[in-house]
Amino acid sequence: MLKQVYSILDKVGKMHANPFVETNDGVALRAIQDVMKNENHQFARYPSDFALVKIGTFDDETGILQATQIMNVIDLESLKEE
């Protein structure tokens, strides 16, 4: 199955967090929303500093990891609950 590879872009630090693999954008987004429920996590404290980005694909049958053009999925600021 072809899965998607994601990272969190730290716009202030100008670097990407370690990548993680999810089935699709919706599942990756849900994982980040769970993290942001922790008020002490930096994503929740400084959401405007971070973005969820797609950086590649991973085929779990062949083991092939392929980089793609970086694509913004969502800025974490738009996930912050009022």
C-alpha atoms as a PDB file:
ATOM      1  CA  MET A   1       0.000   0.000   0.000  1.00  0.00           C
ATOM      2  CA  LEU A   2       1.288   3.437  -0.895  1.00  0.00           C
ATOM      3  CA  LYS A   3       1.323   5.651   2.192  1.00  0.00           C
ATOM      4  CA  GLN A   4       2.145   9.312   2.606  1.00  0.00           C
ATOM      5  CA  VAL A   5       5.156  10.738   4.448  1.00  0.00           C
ATOM      6  CA  TYR A   6       4.670  13.905   6.511  1.00  0.00           C
ATOM      7  CA  SER A   7       6.690  16.284   8.633  1.00  0.00           C
ATOM      8  CA  ILE A   8       6.019  19.315  10.769  1.00  0.00           C
ATOM      9  CA  LEU A   9       7.707  22.427   9.443  1.00  0.00           C
ATOM     10  CA  ASP A  10       8.963  24.784  12.149  1.00  0.00           C
ATOM     11  CA  LYS A  11       8.693  28.113  10.333  1.00  0.00           C
ATOM     12  CA  VAL A  12      10.624  29.977  13.040  1.00  0.00           C
ATOM     13  CA  GLY A  13      13.404  27.413  13.410  1.00  0.00           C
ATOM     14  CA  LYS A  14      13.449  26.865   9.623  1.00  0.00           C
ATOM     15  CA  MET A  15      13.653  23.096   9.956  1.00  0.00           C
ATOM     16  CA  HIS A  16      11.513  19.986   9.644  1.00  0.00           C
ATOM     17  CA  ALA A  17      10.718  17.503  12.421  1.00  0.00           C
ATOM     18  CA  ASN A  18      11.399  13.814  11.927  1.00  0.00           C
ATOM     19  CA  PRO A  19       9.060  12.385   9.294  1.00  0.00           C
ATOM     20  CA  PHE A  20       6.110  10.129  10.015  1.00  0.00           C
ATOM     21  CA  VAL A  21       3.970   7.904   7.805  1.00  0.00           C
ATOM     22  CA  GLU A  22       0.162   7.899   7.622  1.00  0.00           C
ATOM     23  CA  THR A  23      -2.422   6.513   5.217  1.00  0.00           C
ATOM     24  CA  ASN A  24      -3.615   9.925   3.983  1.00  0.00           C
ATOM     25  CA  ASP A  25      -3.909  13.627   4.837  1.00  0.00           C
ATOM     26  CA  GLY A  26      -6.979  13.112   7.023  1.00  0.00           C
ATOM     27  CA  VAL A  27      -5.280  10.561   9.264  1.00  0.00           C
ATOM     28  CA  ALA A  28      -2.143  12.728   9.529  1.00  0.00           C
ATOM     29  CA  LEU A  29      -4.290  15.725  10.430  1.00  0.00           C
ATOM     30  CA  ARG A  30      -6.104  13.741  13.128  1.00  0.00           C
ATOM     31  CA  ALA A  31      -2.761  12.720  14.652  1.00  0.00           C
ATOM     32  CA  ILE A  32      -1.669  16.358  14.851  1.00  0.00           C
ATOM     33  CA  GLN A  33      -5.023  17.413  16.317  1.00  0.00           C
ATOM     34  CA  ASP A  34      -4.504  14.865  19.108  1.00  0.00           C
ATOM     35  CA  VAL A  35      -1.079  16.328  19.877  1.00  0.00           C
ATOM     36  CA  MET A  36      -2.484  19.849  19.952  1.00  0.00           C
ATOM     37  CA  LYS A  37      -4.942  18.886  22.710  1.00  0.00           C
ATOM     38  CA  ASN A  38      -1.966  18.956  25.071  1.00  0.00           C
ATOM     39  CA  GLU A  39      -1.787  22.624  26.080  1.00  0.00           C
ATOM     40  CA  ASN A  40       1.854  22.210  27.118  1.00  0.00           C
ATOM     41  CA  HIS A  41       2.992  21.017  23.696  1.00  0.00           C
ATOM     42  CA  GLN A  42       4.752  23.623  21.566  1.00  0.00           C
ATOM     43  CA  PHE A  43       2.322  23.021  18.668  1.00  0.00           C
ATOM     44  CA  ALA A  44      -0.553  24.126  20.931  1.00  0.00           C
ATOM     45  CA  ARG A  45       1.381  27.021  22.495  1.00  0.00           C
ATOM     46  CA  TYR A  46       2.762  28.439  19.229  1.00  0.00           C
ATOM     47  CA  PRO A  47       0.526  27.108  16.430  1.00  0.00           C
ATOM     48  CA  SER A  48       1.375  29.936  14.032  1.00  0.00           C
ATOM     49  CA  ASP A  49       4.993  28.721  14.024  1.00  0.00           C
ATOM     50  CA  PHE A  50       4.179  25.292  12.544  1.00  0.00           C
ATOM     51  CA  ALA A  51       2.698  23.636   9.456  1.00  0.00           C
ATOM     52  CA  LEU A  52       1.917  20.038   8.535  1.00  0.00           C
ATOM     53  CA  VAL A  53       3.604  19.245   5.221  1.00  0.00           C
ATOM     54  CA  LYS A  54       3.657  16.210   2.927  1.00  0.00           C
ATOM     55  CA  ILE A  55       7.190  15.307   1.872  1.00  0.00           C
ATOM     56  CA  GLY A  56       6.953  11.968   0.086  1.00  0.00           C
ATOM     57  CA  THR A  57       5.523   8.491  -0.245  1.00  0.00           C
ATOM     58  CA  PHE A  58       6.340   5.091   1.237  1.00  0.00           C
ATOM     59  CA  ASP A  59       5.338   1.794  -0.333  1.00  0.00           C
ATOM     60  CA  ASP A  60       4.982  -0.689   2.534  1.00  0.00           C
ATOM     61  CA  GLU A  61       5.068  -3.642   0.102  1.00  0.00           C
ATOM     62  CA  THR A  62       8.316  -2.769  -1.681  1.00  0.00           C
ATOM     63  CA  GLY A  63       9.952  -0.650   1.033  1.00  0.00           C
ATOM     64  CA  ILE A  64      10.567   2.165  -1.437  1.00  0.00           C
ATOM     65  CA  LEU A  65      10.610   5.634   0.087  1.00  0.00           C
ATOM     66  CA  GLN A  66      10.317   8.435  -2.445  1.00  0.00           C
ATOM     67  CA  ALA A  67      10.649  12.153  -1.839  1.00  0.00           C
ATOM     68  CA  THR A  68       8.171  14.457  -3.553  1.00  0.00           C
ATOM     69  CA  GLN A  69       7.831  18.181  -3.825  1.00  0.00           C
ATOM     70  CA  ILE A  70       6.975  19.525  -0.370  1.00  0.00           C
ATOM     71  CA  MET A  71       3.281  20.342  -0.157  1.00  0.00           C
ATOM     72  CA  ASN A  72       1.623  22.287   2.647  1.00  0.00           C
ATOM     73  CA  VAL A  73      -1.295  20.325   4.102  1.00  0.00           C
ATOM     74  CA  ILE A  74      -2.364  22.795   6.792  1.00  0.00           C
ATOM     75  CA  ASP A  75      -0.984  25.566   8.984  1.00  0.00           C
ATOM     76  CA  LEU A  76      -1.439  24.481  12.592  1.00  0.00           C
ATOM     77  CA  GLU A  77      -2.789  27.911  13.490  1.00  0.00           C
ATOM     78  CA  SER A  78      -6.018  27.019  11.707  1.00  0.00           C
ATOM     79  CA  LEU A  79      -6.441  24.031  14.080  1.00  0.00           C
ATOM     80  CA  LYS A  80      -6.239  26.054  17.288  1.00  0.00           C
ATOM     81  CA  GLU A  81      -9.513  25.856  19.182  1.00  0.00           C
ATOM     82  CA  GLU A  82     -11.059  29.134  20.210  1.00  0.00           C
END
